[in-house]
Amino acid sequence: MLPEKKDDSNLWDMLDAAEAIKSFISGCSYQDYLKDRMLRGAVERHLEIIGEAAGRISREFRNEHGEIPWQRIIGLRNVLIHEYGDIEDILVWEVASLHIPDLIGKLERLIPHPPTDAQE
């Protein structure tokens, strides 16, 4: 089943935010992450975007693609938004450094390629 247009848009938002996180932490250690409040905020914000977009994906599409941990992604977004005082930096770091690269690969396989302009 092909994703709805709205699903495509949200998948692209998830991929864009995930790639941004990967870029933000490239070359950083956990200690670098802890010392940089702006970096922590940027990573957290983009994790929120990923979770918000995941929540907007149709239930049918999510059910068909169980390789993506939709509920965990949405749950992390909820913690970041509503329980921000309880955020554990090490857990956010682990998500960013260990799980985001895997998520990028999975999203890239789900997103349809844009049509080419040249018709041969």
Protein backbone atom coordinates (compact mmCIF):
# COMPACT_ATOMS: atom_id res chain seq x y z
CA MET A 1 0.00 0.00 0.00
CA LEU A 2 1.32 3.40 -0.94
CA PRO A 3 1.42 6.06 1.76
CA GLU A 4 -1.08 8.90 1.66
CA LYS A 5 0.29 12.28 0.51
CA LYS A 6 0.05 13.47 4.12
CA ASP A 7 2.07 10.42 5.23
CA ASP A 8 4.73 11.22 2.62
CA SER A 9 5.05 14.76 3.96
CA ASN A 10 5.37 13.58 7.55
CA LEU A 11 7.92 10.92 6.60
CA TRP A 12 9.98 13.64 4.92
CA ASP A 13 9.72 15.80 8.06
CA MET A 14 10.92 12.88 10.17
CA LEU A 15 13.83 12.20 7.84
CA ASP A 16 14.83 15.86 7.67
CA ALA A 17 14.85 16.20 11.46
CA ALA A 18 16.74 12.92 11.90
CA GLU A 19 19.40 13.99 9.39
CA ALA A 20 19.71 17.32 11.20
CA ILE A 21 20.33 15.52 14.51
CA LYS A 22 22.95 13.30 12.89
CA SER A 23 24.67 16.39 11.52
CA PHE A 24 24.45 18.28 14.83
CA ILE A 25 26.23 15.57 16.82
CA SER A 26 28.72 14.53 14.16
CA GLY A 27 32.16 14.49 15.75
CA CYS A 28 30.77 15.14 19.25
CA SER A 29 31.28 13.05 22.33
CA TYR A 30 28.76 12.72 25.11
CA GLN A 31 30.87 15.16 27.15
CA ASP A 32 30.72 17.69 24.29
CA TYR A 33 26.95 17.23 24.21
CA LEU A 34 26.64 17.85 27.96
CA LYS A 35 28.68 21.05 27.80
CA ASP A 36 26.67 22.60 24.96
CA ARG A 37 23.21 23.76 26.01
CA MET A 38 22.36 24.94 22.50
CA LEU A 39 23.28 21.54 21.04
CA ARG A 40 21.14 19.74 23.62
CA GLY A 41 18.22 22.04 22.85
CA ALA A 42 18.59 21.55 19.11
CA VAL A 43 18.69 17.76 19.43
CA GLU A 44 15.70 17.72 21.77
CA ARG A 45 13.70 20.03 19.48
CA HIS A 46 14.35 17.85 16.44
CA LEU A 47 13.40 14.73 18.40
CA GLU A 48 10.13 16.51 19.21
CA ILE A 49 9.59 17.17 15.49
CA ILE A 50 10.23 13.51 14.67
CA GLY A 51 7.71 12.44 17.33
CA GLU A 52 5.09 14.95 16.24
CA ALA A 53 5.40 13.90 12.60
CA ALA A 54 5.28 10.21 13.58
CA GLY A 55 2.03 10.84 15.41
CA ARG A 56 0.54 12.33 12.26
CA ILE A 57 1.30 9.27 10.13
CA SER A 58 -1.88 7.31 9.39
CA ARG A 59 -2.57 4.37 11.64
CA GLU A 60 -2.77 2.11 8.58
CA PHE A 61 0.72 3.06 7.44
CA ARG A 62 2.15 2.66 10.96
CA ASN A 63 0.53 -0.77 11.26
CA GLU A 64 2.07 -1.85 7.97
CA HIS A 65 5.56 -0.67 8.96
CA GLY A 66 6.28 -2.16 12.34
CA GLU A 67 10.02 -1.85 11.70
CA ILE A 68 9.69 1.75 12.87
CA PRO A 69 9.12 2.02 16.65
CA TRP A 70 6.28 4.51 16.22
CA GLN A 71 4.99 4.40 19.79
CA ARG A 72 8.45 4.81 21.31
CA ILE A 73 9.14 7.77 19.02
CA ILE A 74 5.82 9.40 19.91
CA GLY A 75 6.36 8.59 23.59
CA LEU A 76 9.77 10.27 23.58
CA ARG A 77 8.20 13.37 22.06
CA ASN A 78 5.62 13.41 24.84
CA VAL A 79 8.29 13.15 27.53
CA LEU A 80 10.33 15.94 25.93
CA ILE A 81 7.28 18.20 25.71
CA HIS A 82 5.46 17.44 28.94
CA GLU A 83 8.07 16.09 31.34
CA TYR A 84 11.03 18.23 30.33
CA GLY A 85 12.23 18.49 33.93
CA ASP A 86 12.80 14.73 34.03
CA ILE A 87 14.82 14.43 30.82
CA GLU A 88 17.93 12.31 31.22
CA ASP A 89 20.67 13.62 28.94
CA ILE A 90 22.29 10.19 28.57
CA LEU A 91 19.04 8.73 27.18
CA VAL A 92 18.62 11.56 24.69
CA TRP A 93 22.27 11.13 23.67
CA GLU A 94 21.77 7.40 23.15
CA VAL A 95 18.72 8.00 20.99
CA ALA A 96 20.58 10.61 18.94
CA SER A 97 23.82 8.71 18.54
CA LEU A 98 22.61 5.09 18.37
CA HIS A 99 19.02 5.06 17.13
CA ILE A 100 18.80 8.04 14.77
CA PRO A 101 21.20 6.57 12.16
CA ASP A 102 19.10 3.38 12.09
CA LEU A 103 15.89 5.41 11.81
CA ILE A 104 17.33 7.34 8.87
CA GLY A 105 17.99 4.10 6.99
CA LYS A 106 14.47 2.82 7.65
CA LEU A 107 12.85 6.10 6.63
CA GLU A 108 14.86 6.30 3.42
CA ARG A 109 13.43 2.93 2.37
CA LEU A 110 9.86 4.12 3.03
CA ILE A 111 9.96 7.48 1.32
CA PRO A 112 9.01 7.43 -2.34
CA HIS A 113 11.56 8.89 -4.69
CA PRO A 114 10.46 12.10 -6.37
CA PRO A 115 9.57 11.70 -10.03
CA THR A 116 12.32 12.51 -12.48
CA ASP A 117 11.85 15.46 -14.83
CA ALA A 118 13.37 13.70 -17.80
CA GLN A 119 11.12 11.21 -19.51
CA GLU A 120 13.12 8.86 -21.70
